[in-house]
């Protein structure tokens, strides 16, 4: 399992280029992943979205962060019919 995770981390951006369905990545500003995802989403197609929630860490435990996370998720789900996901 660890070996598979290492390989996935190496290839996650290449693998996600093949995703042809709508996708949204929501990161916390204080998390460790947002810089990598932000760079990646600057070059992808229009059905992929990136949101960074200010003052939130990776777990979204800060006050108001979970509400914003849920809001962003719901807006994404409303935007695309279930048949597209």
Protein backbone atom coordinates (compact mmCIF):
# COMPACT_ATOMS: atom_id res chain seq x y z
CA UNK A 1 0.00 0.00 0.00
CA UNK A 2 2.81 2.42 0.83
CA UNK A 3 4.53 1.70 -2.48
CA UNK A 4 1.27 2.36 -4.35
CA UNK A 5 0.85 5.67 -2.50
CA UNK A 6 4.39 6.76 -3.42
CA UNK A 7 3.71 5.99 -7.09
CA UNK A 8 0.38 7.79 -6.99
CA UNK A 9 1.98 10.91 -5.49
CA UNK A 10 4.53 10.94 -8.30
CA UNK A 11 1.87 10.69 -10.98
CA UNK A 12 -1.21 12.39 -9.51
CA UNK A 13 -1.07 15.39 -11.82
CA UNK A 14 -0.43 13.27 -14.90
CA UNK A 15 -3.29 10.96 -13.95
CA UNK A 16 -5.67 13.82 -13.33
CA UNK A 17 -5.04 15.20 -16.82
CA UNK A 18 -6.96 12.18 -18.07
CA UNK A 19 -10.01 12.99 -15.95
CA UNK A 20 -12.68 14.26 -18.33
CA UNK A 21 -15.45 14.85 -15.81
CA UNK A 22 -16.07 17.93 -13.67
CA UNK A 23 -13.74 18.11 -10.69
CA UNK A 24 -13.27 20.57 -7.82
CA UNK A 25 -10.38 20.67 -5.38
CA UNK A 26 -10.94 22.58 -2.15
CA UNK A 27 -7.82 23.29 -0.08
CA UNK A 28 -7.16 25.14 3.14
CA UNK A 29 -4.78 28.10 2.95
CA UNK A 30 -2.75 26.74 5.87
CA UNK A 31 -2.64 23.24 4.39
CA UNK A 32 0.40 21.82 2.65
CA UNK A 33 -1.22 20.92 -0.67
CA UNK A 34 -2.72 24.13 -2.03
CA UNK A 35 0.40 25.45 -3.75
CA UNK A 36 0.78 22.28 -5.81
CA UNK A 37 -2.90 22.12 -6.73
CA UNK A 38 -3.07 25.83 -7.55
CA UNK A 39 -0.21 25.46 -10.03
CA UNK A 40 -1.88 22.44 -11.58
CA UNK A 41 -5.26 24.10 -11.98
CA UNK A 42 -3.82 27.09 -13.81
CA UNK A 43 -3.41 24.89 -16.90
CA UNK A 44 -6.47 22.61 -16.90
CA UNK A 45 -9.83 22.65 -18.64
CA UNK A 46 -12.84 24.72 -17.63
CA UNK A 47 -14.73 21.94 -15.81
CA UNK A 48 -12.04 21.73 -13.16
CA UNK A 49 -12.24 24.17 -10.27
CA UNK A 50 -9.89 25.13 -7.48
CA UNK A 51 -10.87 26.89 -4.25
CA UNK A 52 -8.64 27.86 -1.35
CA UNK A 53 -10.42 28.52 1.94
CA UNK A 54 -8.62 31.31 3.79
CA UNK A 55 -7.31 30.65 7.31
CA UNK A 56 -8.18 26.94 7.10
CA UNK A 57 -5.82 24.01 7.51
CA UNK A 58 -6.07 20.64 5.81
CA UNK A 59 -8.75 19.43 8.23
CA UNK A 60 -10.95 22.58 8.06
CA UNK A 61 -11.35 22.71 11.87
CA UNK A 62 -11.12 26.51 12.11
CA UNK A 63 -14.29 28.43 12.88
CA UNK A 64 -16.40 28.80 9.74
CA UNK A 65 -14.11 26.68 7.55
CA UNK A 66 -16.35 23.61 7.49
CA UNK A 67 -19.37 25.72 6.56
CA UNK A 68 -17.45 27.22 3.65
CA UNK A 69 -16.22 23.76 2.64
CA UNK A 70 -19.80 22.43 2.63
CA UNK A 71 -21.02 25.49 0.72
CA UNK A 72 -18.37 25.08 -1.99
CA UNK A 73 -19.15 21.37 -2.26
CA UNK A 74 -22.89 21.99 -2.58
CA UNK A 75 -22.40 24.68 -5.23
CA UNK A 76 -20.28 22.28 -7.25
CA UNK A 77 -22.89 19.52 -6.98
CA UNK A 78 -25.67 21.92 -8.01
CA UNK A 79 -23.66 23.08 -11.02
CA UNK A 80 -23.36 19.63 -12.58
CA UNK A 81 -26.15 17.16 -13.07
CA UNK A 82 -25.49 13.75 -11.47
CA UNK A 83 -25.29 12.24 -14.96
CA UNK A 84 -22.13 14.27 -15.63
CA UNK A 85 -20.34 13.18 -12.44
